[in-house]
Amino acid sequence: MKLEKRKIVIIGCGHVGVSTAFCLINQGLCDEIALIDLNEEKVLGEVLDLSQSIEYMNRNTHVKVGRYEDCEDAQIVIITASVPTPQSGNDRLKMLEPSLNVMKSIITQIKEHHFDGHLIVVSNPVDLMSYYAYKLSGLPANQVIGTGTTLDTARLKYFIAQKIQVDPRSVHAMVIGEHGDSEMIPWSTVRIGGKDIYSVVQDNQSRLGQEPYQQMKEDTIQAGWEIFNRKGNTCYGIASSTVGIIRTILHNENQILPVSTLLRGEYGQDDLFISVPAIIDRSGVREIVELRMTPQEQEEFNQSCQTLKNHFMILRKHLGPLNN
């Protein structure tokens, strides 16, 4: 009997790509990882470094210098490659125009080798890049997943947990919308140990203040830039988020995660990749969960969608005939 090999390809071997590989190895989620990058000497160095760490891991994962032909029998391809993050400002959308050419080159080569697995897009601006990858790849929408606000959600839960001194895993909250400045928090859905956030704030004003919501939102939005401005990159959080999505797919866990996925009428939006809660299983996005938000929250979400739509002219220009 031939056992199926779990193979993952990572395209882009910067801090995020390599941290993702290390996270995959540490959790023992796959049999083989192929790393692809334009800088082949760096790839070889990373392969050797990662391979020599396996002695003390849970599983003997094979790590190798990859080629695009590795996509042919891979279950998952992760795209982390993008143009360098701007050194000034904090708007991921500024990266769109130059990043599209990078994505087009990658998707073209993936298609040449008949990849039909799950495509995980990490490259920023992730919502627009995920939509672009979906259109170019020809893959079913459920198999193209952007990491979206998975990391933003982890950050929000961290900030809430820090304030009330509980484990972040006891906080049930999500950030949805654009992975960027227009993202929003449906506070009406936030629970801590089953208790709604408004009651928690009311009962803990000495620790939280009367209206901590805006500050926690700002802290969440700025968290990545606070890290970037100090160390020049962010890698561990997004690597962990990416692998969380992959684990849910490979283990068929049916977890609900806020990923960037295609809306087709949900939340009153259509033909748009943006982060919403979704049930993830071995098929990818099995189902979108529609939160019952307040009218004000729905309007915030609509505004976030519009922020992305404002850049569709650039996408359509690059898509050309595919857009018809």
Protein backbone atom coordinates (compact mmCIF):
# COMPACT_ATOMS: atom_id res chain seq x y z
CA MET A 1 0.00 0.00 0.00
CA LYS A 2 1.37 3.39 -1.04
CA LEU A 3 1.06 6.04 1.67
CA GLU A 4 0.42 9.61 0.58
CA LYS A 5 3.33 11.93 1.23
CA ARG A 6 2.49 15.29 2.77
CA LYS A 7 4.52 17.79 0.81
CA ILE A 8 4.56 21.58 1.21
CA VAL A 9 6.28 24.11 -1.03
CA ILE A 10 7.25 27.53 0.32
CA ILE A 11 7.95 30.25 -2.24
CA GLY A 12 9.95 33.08 -0.73
CA CYS A 13 12.72 32.40 1.79
CA GLY A 14 12.88 35.64 3.71
CA HIS A 15 12.22 35.79 7.44
CA VAL A 16 8.56 34.80 7.07
CA GLY A 17 9.12 31.88 4.70
CA VAL A 18 11.92 30.36 6.75
CA SER A 19 10.08 30.90 10.06
CA THR A 20 7.10 29.12 8.54
CA ALA A 21 9.31 26.20 7.52
CA PHE A 22 10.76 25.98 11.02
CA CYS A 23 7.27 26.07 12.53
CA LEU A 24 6.13 23.27 10.21
CA ILE A 25 9.13 21.16 11.15
CA ASN A 26 8.72 21.85 14.86
CA GLN A 27 5.08 20.73 14.75
CA GLY A 28 5.83 17.73 12.52
CA LEU A 29 3.02 18.52 10.11
CA CYS A 30 4.48 17.23 6.85
CA ASP A 31 6.95 14.78 5.34
CA GLU A 32 8.70 17.12 2.94
CA ILE A 33 9.28 20.86 2.56
CA ALA A 34 10.66 22.39 -0.64
CA LEU A 35 11.99 25.94 -0.41
CA ILE A 36 12.05 28.18 -3.50
CA ASP A 37 13.69 31.58 -3.80
CA LEU A 38 15.56 33.58 -6.42
CA ASN A 39 18.63 33.55 -4.15
CA GLU A 40 19.57 29.88 -4.42
CA GLU A 41 22.66 30.17 -2.22
CA LYS A 42 20.50 31.51 0.61
CA VAL A 43 18.00 28.70 0.04
CA LEU A 44 20.76 26.11 0.33
CA GLY A 45 21.98 27.72 3.54
CA GLU A 46 18.46 27.67 5.01
CA VAL A 47 17.94 24.04 3.94
CA LEU A 48 21.15 22.97 5.66
CA ASP A 49 20.35 24.94 8.81
CA LEU A 50 16.80 23.60 9.04
CA SER A 51 17.86 20.03 8.25
CA GLN A 52 20.49 20.09 10.97
CA SER A 53 17.89 21.14 13.56
CA ILE A 54 15.75 18.04 13.08
CA GLU A 55 17.73 15.87 15.52
CA TYR A 56 15.81 17.55 18.35
CA MET A 57 12.40 17.78 16.68
CA ASN A 58 9.43 15.41 16.79
CA ARG A 59 9.73 14.18 13.23
CA ASN A 60 12.34 13.66 10.50
CA THR A 61 10.98 16.11 7.95
CA HIS A 62 12.88 16.18 4.66
CA VAL A 63 13.85 19.75 3.68
CA LYS A 64 15.26 20.48 0.26
CA VAL A 65 16.08 23.18 -2.28
CA GLY A 66 12.91 23.33 -4.34
CA ARG A 67 12.06 23.88 -7.98
CA TYR A 68 8.68 24.83 -9.38
CA GLU A 69 8.20 21.25 -10.57
CA ASP A 70 7.87 20.38 -6.85
CA CYS A 71 4.44 22.03 -6.97
CA GLU A 72 3.12 19.20 -9.13
CA ASP A 73 2.74 16.73 -6.24
CA ALA A 74 2.50 19.20 -3.34
CA GLN A 75 -0.64 19.38 -1.19
CA ILE A 76 0.02 22.98 -0.20
CA VAL A 77 1.96 25.87 -1.71
CA ILE A 78 2.68 28.87 0.51
CA ILE A 79 3.55 32.20 -1.11
CA THR A 80 5.44 34.61 1.12
CA ALA A 81 7.46 36.35 -1.62
CA SER A 82 6.78 40.06 -2.11
CA VAL A 83 8.54 43.35 -2.61
CA PRO A 84 10.33 44.80 0.44
CA THR A 85 8.10 46.48 3.02
CA PRO A 86 8.32 50.30 2.83
CA GLN A 87 10.67 51.71 5.44
CA SER A 88 8.35 54.65 6.10
CA GLY A 89 4.60 54.78 6.56
CA ASN A 90 2.38 51.93 7.65
CA ASP A 91 0.12 51.25 4.67
CA ARG A 92 0.42 47.72 3.24
CA LEU A 93 -1.64 48.81 0.22
CA LYS A 94 1.37 50.80 -1.03
CA MET A 95 2.98 47.46 -1.83
CA LEU A 96 0.27 46.45 -4.29
CA GLU A 97 1.48 47.62 -7.71
CA PRO A 98 5.06 46.29 -7.49
CA SER A 99 3.94 43.06 -5.78
CA LEU A 100 1.53 42.10 -8.55
CA ASN A 101 4.35 41.40 -11.00
CA VAL A 102 6.03 39.14 -8.45
CA MET A 103 2.79 37.24 -7.87
CA LYS A 104 2.12 36.87 -11.60
CA SER A 105 5.54 35.34 -12.18
CA ILE A 106 5.00 32.86 -9.34
CA ILE A 107 1.47 31.81 -10.30
CA THR A 108 2.46 31.38 -13.95
CA GLN A 109 5.17 28.90 -12.98
CA ILE A 110 2.91 27.08 -10.51
CA LYS A 111 0.28 26.62 -13.23
CA GLU A 112 2.86 25.25 -15.66
CA HIS A 113 3.33 22.34 -13.28
CA HIS A 114 -0.40 21.63 -12.85
CA PHE A 115 -0.66 22.38 -9.13
CA ASP A 116 -4.16 21.58 -7.86
CA GLY A 117 -3.74 21.73 -4.08
CA HIS A 118 -4.26 24.50 -1.54
CA LEU A 119 -2.65 27.88 -2.14
CA ILE A 120 -1.89 29.88 1.01
CA VAL A 121 -1.11 33.53 0.30
CA VAL A 122 0.88 35.48 2.90
CA SER A 123 2.29 38.23 0.68
CA ASN A 124 0.99 41.74 1.39
CA PRO A 125 -1.37 43.40 0.71
CA VAL A 126 -2.75 39.95 1.38
CA ASP A 127 -6.44 40.45 0.53
CA LEU A 128 -5.76 41.91 -2.91
CA MET A 129 -2.90 39.51 -3.58
CA SER A 130 -5.14 36.55 -2.67
CA TYR A 131 -7.82 37.74 -5.08
CA TYR A 132 -5.22 38.19 -7.79
CA ALA A 133 -3.74 34.72 -7.15
CA TYR A 134 -7.24 33.21 -7.28
CA LYS A 135 -8.01 34.85 -10.62
CA LEU A 136 -4.66 33.91 -12.16
CA SER A 137 -4.42 30.36 -10.83
CA GLY A 138 -7.80 29.09 -11.95
CA LEU A 139 -8.08 27.15 -8.69
CA PRO A 140 -11.44 26.83 -6.94
CA ALA A 141 -12.02 29.70 -4.51
CA ASN A 142 -12.09 27.39 -1.48
CA GLN A 143 -8.51 26.28 -2.24
CA VAL A 144 -7.04 29.80 -2.27
CA ILE A 145 -6.69 31.20 1.26
CA GLY A 146 -5.09 34.43 2.40
CA THR A 147 -3.73 34.57 5.94
CA GLY A 148 -5.78 37.74 6.33
CA THR A 149 -6.52 38.75 9.91
CA THR A 150 -5.51 35.50 11.60
CA LEU A 151 -2.50 37.25 13.12
CA ASP A 152 -4.45 40.44 13.89
CA THR A 153 -6.92 38.25 15.79
CA ALA A 154 -4.11 36.66 17.81
CA ARG A 155 -2.81 40.14 18.61
CA LEU A 156 -6.22 41.39 19.72
CA LYS A 157 -6.68 38.37 21.98
CA TYR A 158 -3.21 38.98 23.41
CA PHE A 159 -4.00 42.62 24.27
CA ILE A 160 -7.35 41.75 25.86
CA ALA A 161 -5.81 38.89 27.82
CA GLN A 162 -2.95 41.10 29.06
CA LYS A 163 -5.41 43.62 30.46
CA ILE A 164 -7.53 41.15 32.38
CA GLN A 165 -4.77 38.60 33.06
CA VAL A 166 -6.19 35.48 31.44
CA ASP A 167 -4.90 33.02 28.86
CA PRO A 168 -5.46 34.46 25.35
CA ARG A 169 -7.10 31.16 24.42
CA SER A 170 -9.89 31.99 26.87
CA VAL A 171 -10.69 35.09 24.82
CA HIS A 172 -13.08 34.52 21.92
CA ALA A 173 -12.70 37.44 19.55
CA MET A 174 -11.99 38.10 15.88
CA VAL A 175 -10.64 40.89 13.76
CA ILE A 176 -12.25 40.91 10.32
CA GLY A 177 -12.08 43.02 7.15
CA GLU A 178 -8.91 44.19 5.44
CA HIS A 179 -5.59 43.11 6.91
CA GLY A 180 -4.64 46.74 7.35
CA ASP A 181 -5.74 50.06 8.75
CA SER A 182 -9.43 49.61 7.87
CA GLU A 183 -9.82 46.28 9.69
CA MET A 184 -12.58 46.18 12.29
CA ILE A 185 -13.57 44.37 15.46
CA PRO A 186 -17.19 43.24 15.92
CA TRP A 187 -17.12 43.89 19.65
CA SER A 188 -20.68 42.64 20.07
CA THR A 189 -19.42 39.11 19.37
CA VAL A 190 -16.44 39.16 21.78
CA ARG A 191 -16.62 36.78 24.72
CA ILE A 192 -14.24 36.02 27.58
CA GLY A 193 -15.03 32.74 29.30
CA GLY A 194 -18.56 33.05 27.96
CA LYS A 195 -19.01 36.59 29.30
CA ASP A 196 -19.57 39.37 26.79
CA ILE A 197 -16.87 42.05 26.56
CA TYR A 198 -19.21 44.87 27.57
CA SER A 199 -20.01 43.15 30.87
CA VAL A 200 -16.33 42.39 31.44
CA VAL A 201 -15.43 46.05 30.94
CA GLN A 202 -18.27 47.22 33.17
CA ASP A 203 -17.19 44.88 35.97
CA ASN A 204 -13.46 45.68 35.65
CA GLN A 205 -13.31 49.43 35.08
CA SER A 206 -10.40 49.83 37.48
CA ARG A 207 -8.26 47.72 35.17
CA LEU A 208 -9.80 48.44 31.79
CA GLY A 209 -11.26 51.92 32.03
CA GLN A 210 -14.74 52.80 30.78
CA GLU A 211 -14.06 52.74 27.03
CA PRO A 212 -10.95 50.63 26.20
CA TYR A 213 -12.21 49.51 22.80
CA GLN A 214 -10.61 52.11 20.53
CA GLN A 215 -7.24 51.81 22.24
CA MET A 216 -7.22 48.02 21.92
CA LYS A 217 -8.15 48.35 18.25
CA GLU A 218 -5.32 50.83 17.64
CA ASP A 219 -2.88 48.60 19.52
CA THR A 220 -3.91 45.67 17.31
CA ILE A 221 -3.53 47.64 14.06
CA GLN A 222 -0.16 49.08 15.06
CA ALA A 223 1.27 45.89 16.61
CA GLY A 224 3.05 44.73 13.46
CA TRP A 225 4.61 48.13 12.87
CA GLU A 226 5.75 48.34 16.50
CA ILE A 227 7.69 45.13 15.89
CA PHE A 228 8.86 46.09 12.40
CA ASN A 229 10.21 49.45 13.53
CA ARG A 230 12.32 47.74 16.20
CA LYS A 231 13.67 44.64 14.43
CA GLY A 232 13.07 45.34 10.75
CA ASN A 233 10.61 42.50 10.15
CA THR A 234 7.84 40.44 11.70
CA CYS A 235 8.05 36.70 11.26
CA TYR A 236 7.12 34.45 14.19
CA GLY A 237 3.51 35.59 14.57
CA ILE A 238 2.64 35.32 10.89
CA ALA A 239 4.51 32.01 10.57
CA SER A 240 2.50 30.60 13.47
CA SER A 241 -0.75 31.91 11.95
CA THR A 242 0.07 30.40 8.57
CA VAL A 243 0.88 27.02 10.08
CA GLY A 244 -2.33 27.21 12.13
CA ILE A 245 -4.29 27.36 8.86
CA ILE A 246 -2.26 24.50 7.39
CA ARG A 247 -2.72 22.31 10.46
CA THR A 248 -6.48 22.82 10.24
CA ILE A 249 -6.44 21.72 6.58
CA LEU A 250 -4.15 18.71 7.00
CA HIS A 251 -5.89 17.45 10.16
CA ASN A 252 -9.39 18.22 8.83
CA GLU A 253 -10.08 20.07 12.08
CA ASN A 254 -13.06 22.20 10.99
CA GLN A 255 -11.71 25.15 12.95
CA ILE A 256 -13.23 28.58 12.44
CA LEU A 257 -10.51 31.06 11.50
CA PRO A 258 -10.67 34.64 10.13
CA VAL A 259 -9.04 34.11 6.74
CA SER A 260 -9.12 36.10 3.54
CA THR A 261 -11.53 34.29 1.25
CA LEU A 262 -13.90 35.00 -1.61
CA LEU A 263 -17.26 36.52 -0.72
CA ARG A 264 -20.15 35.67 -3.02
CA GLY A 265 -23.04 37.52 -1.42
CA GLU A 266 -22.08 36.92 2.21
CA TYR A 267 -22.15 40.06 4.35
CA GLY A 268 -23.76 41.81 1.35
CA GLN A 269 -20.46 41.72 -0.57
CA ASP A 270 -19.50 40.01 -3.81
CA ASP A 271 -16.34 39.14 -5.79
CA LEU A 272 -13.97 40.24 -3.06
CA PHE A 273 -11.32 38.54 -0.95
CA ILE A 274 -11.45 39.82 2.62
CA SER A 275 -11.16 38.29 6.09
CA VAL A 276 -14.27 36.76 7.62
CA PRO A 277 -14.74 33.74 9.90
CA ALA A 278 -14.59 30.55 7.87
CA ILE A 279 -14.78 26.84 8.65
CA ILE A 280 -11.54 25.26 7.45
CA ASP A 281 -11.25 21.55 6.70
CA ARG A 282 -9.34 19.33 4.26
CA SER A 283 -11.19 20.97 1.36
CA GLY A 284 -10.00 24.43 2.39
CA VAL A 285 -12.72 26.98 3.10
CA ARG A 286 -15.73 24.74 3.65
CA GLU A 287 -18.15 27.44 4.73
CA ILE A 288 -18.22 31.14 5.56
CA VAL A 289 -19.67 32.03 8.94
CA GLU A 290 -21.84 35.15 8.83
CA LEU A 291 -21.69 37.02 12.13
CA ARG A 292 -24.76 38.88 13.31
CA MET A 293 -23.23 42.30 13.72
CA THR A 294 -24.78 45.55 14.82
CA PRO A 295 -25.68 48.05 12.07
CA GLN A 296 -22.66 50.17 13.05
CA GLU A 297 -20.34 47.16 12.85
CA GLN A 298 -21.76 46.19 9.46
CA GLU A 299 -21.09 49.70 8.22
CA GLU A 300 -17.49 49.51 9.46
CA PHE A 301 -17.08 46.23 7.61
CA ASN A 302 -18.58 47.74 4.45
CA GLN A 303 -16.09 50.61 4.66
CA SER A 304 -13.23 48.13 4.96
CA CYS A 305 -14.49 46.33 1.85
CA GLN A 306 -14.65 49.64 0.01
CA THR A 307 -11.04 50.38 0.94
CA LEU A 308 -10.02 47.27 -0.99
CA LYS A 309 -12.39 47.92 -3.88
CA ASN A 310 -10.77 51.33 -4.37
CA HIS A 311 -7.70 49.45 -5.63
CA PHE A 312 -9.53 47.15 -8.05
CA MET A 313 -8.67 49.36 -11.02
CA ILE A 314 -5.03 48.37 -10.56
CA LEU A 315 -5.99 44.70 -10.27
CA ARG A 316 -8.14 44.79 -13.39
CA LYS A 317 -5.34 46.41 -15.35
CA HIS A 318 -2.98 43.56 -14.41
CA LEU A 319 -5.58 40.84 -14.94
CA GLY A 320 -6.44 42.07 -18.43
CA PRO A 321 -8.62 39.61 -20.40
CA LEU A 322 -8.90 37.32 -17.35
CA ASN A 323 -11.15 39.87 -15.73
CA ASN A 324 -13.91 39.33 -18.32
